[in-house]
């Protein structure tokens, strides 16, 4: 069974392999971020009651995470917290303004 599982995880054409590859890449990206160090600072920000928002920070890096806990689409803005900078999605590399989240 173990060899079959390993074969599945290494096969990019089946669901197990696709999910494993995507998560592995995400973990590699996150592992390189100082703000995800276990000793980095963090705070919970209240922007929308349906969106769990966490700010992680270390050195000169701040990372915002957003988790939509509602069943519908939600749009949030960091403008209300005084953050008007440009941001970069760590996974896609896409740049955007705080009002476009």
Protein backbone atom coordinates (compact mmCIF):
# COMPACT_ATOMS: atom_id res chain seq x y z
CA UNK A 1 0.00 0.00 0.00
CA UNK A 2 2.80 2.45 0.86
CA UNK A 3 4.49 2.13 -2.54
CA UNK A 4 1.13 2.73 -4.26
CA UNK A 5 0.60 5.85 -2.16
CA UNK A 6 4.07 7.18 -2.98
CA UNK A 7 3.47 6.50 -6.69
CA UNK A 8 0.15 8.39 -6.47
CA UNK A 9 1.77 11.36 -4.72
CA UNK A 10 4.47 11.57 -7.38
CA UNK A 11 1.98 11.38 -10.26
CA UNK A 12 1.00 14.92 -11.35
CA UNK A 13 -1.87 13.57 -13.49
CA UNK A 14 -4.04 12.29 -10.66
CA UNK A 15 -5.79 14.17 -7.85
CA UNK A 16 -3.54 12.93 -5.02
CA UNK A 17 -0.45 14.00 -6.93
CA UNK A 18 -1.90 17.38 -7.88
CA UNK A 19 -2.90 18.17 -4.28
CA UNK A 20 0.41 16.93 -2.88
CA UNK A 21 2.42 18.97 -5.39
CA UNK A 22 0.40 22.14 -4.73
CA UNK A 23 0.69 21.83 -0.95
CA UNK A 24 4.39 21.00 -1.14
CA UNK A 25 5.05 24.14 -3.19
CA UNK A 26 2.95 26.27 -0.84
CA UNK A 27 4.89 24.97 2.17
CA UNK A 28 8.21 25.69 0.44
CA UNK A 29 7.13 29.29 -0.19
CA UNK A 30 5.82 29.81 3.34
CA UNK A 31 8.91 28.23 4.90
CA UNK A 32 11.07 30.99 3.36
CA UNK A 33 9.02 33.79 4.98
CA UNK A 34 10.43 35.32 8.20
CA UNK A 35 6.91 36.27 9.33
CA UNK A 36 5.93 32.58 9.49
CA UNK A 37 8.70 31.76 11.94
CA UNK A 38 7.13 30.36 15.14
CA UNK A 39 8.74 33.20 17.10
CA UNK A 40 7.38 35.94 14.83
CA UNK A 41 4.80 38.34 16.17
CA UNK A 42 1.13 38.11 15.30
CA UNK A 43 -2.20 39.77 15.95
CA UNK A 44 -5.80 39.11 15.06
CA UNK A 45 -7.39 41.99 13.16
CA UNK A 46 -11.14 42.55 13.05
CA UNK A 47 -12.10 43.76 9.59
CA UNK A 48 -15.22 41.72 8.86
CA UNK A 49 -16.94 39.32 11.28
CA UNK A 50 -17.05 36.66 8.54
CA UNK A 51 -13.35 36.87 7.68
CA UNK A 52 -10.75 35.65 10.17
CA UNK A 53 -7.79 37.99 9.64
CA UNK A 54 -4.34 37.39 11.04
CA UNK A 55 -1.29 39.63 10.71
CA UNK A 56 2.13 38.01 11.11
CA UNK A 57 5.26 40.14 11.26
CA UNK A 58 9.04 39.75 11.61
CA UNK A 59 11.98 41.90 10.59
CA UNK A 60 10.73 44.07 7.73
CA UNK A 61 7.99 41.68 6.60
CA UNK A 62 4.27 41.69 7.34
CA UNK A 63 2.00 38.93 6.09
CA UNK A 64 -1.78 39.11 6.21
CA UNK A 65 -3.88 35.96 6.06
CA UNK A 66 -7.62 35.97 5.39
CA UNK A 67 -10.00 33.07 5.96
CA UNK A 68 -13.56 33.48 4.80
CA UNK A 69 -15.79 31.68 7.31
CA UNK A 70 -19.05 32.51 5.53
CA UNK A 71 -20.76 30.52 2.81
CA UNK A 72 -20.55 33.45 0.38
CA UNK A 73 -18.04 35.69 -1.34
CA UNK A 74 -16.47 38.36 0.86
CA UNK A 75 -14.38 41.43 -0.02
CA UNK A 76 -12.27 43.13 2.65
CA UNK A 77 -10.04 46.18 2.70
CA UNK A 78 -7.07 46.98 4.91
CA UNK A 79 -7.69 50.68 4.29
CA UNK A 80 -9.79 50.84 7.46
CA UNK A 81 -6.72 49.73 9.44
CA UNK A 82 -4.49 52.36 7.87
CA UNK A 83 -2.63 50.06 5.46
CA UNK A 84 -2.50 51.67 2.03
CA UNK A 85 0.53 49.88 0.60
CA UNK A 86 0.86 47.56 -2.35
CA UNK A 87 0.80 43.88 -1.53
CA UNK A 88 2.10 40.71 -3.18
CA UNK A 89 0.35 37.35 -3.08
CA UNK A 90 3.09 34.93 -1.94
CA UNK A 91 1.68 32.02 -3.94
CA UNK A 92 0.83 33.66 -7.27
CA UNK A 93 3.23 36.63 -7.13
CA UNK A 94 0.33 38.94 -8.13
CA UNK A 95 0.59 42.54 -6.92
CA UNK A 96 -2.44 44.51 -5.75
CA UNK A 97 -3.55 47.40 -3.54
CA UNK A 98 -5.06 46.97 -0.09
CA UNK A 99 -8.51 47.96 -1.40
CA UNK A 100 -8.45 45.05 -3.91
CA UNK A 101 -8.43 42.21 -1.40
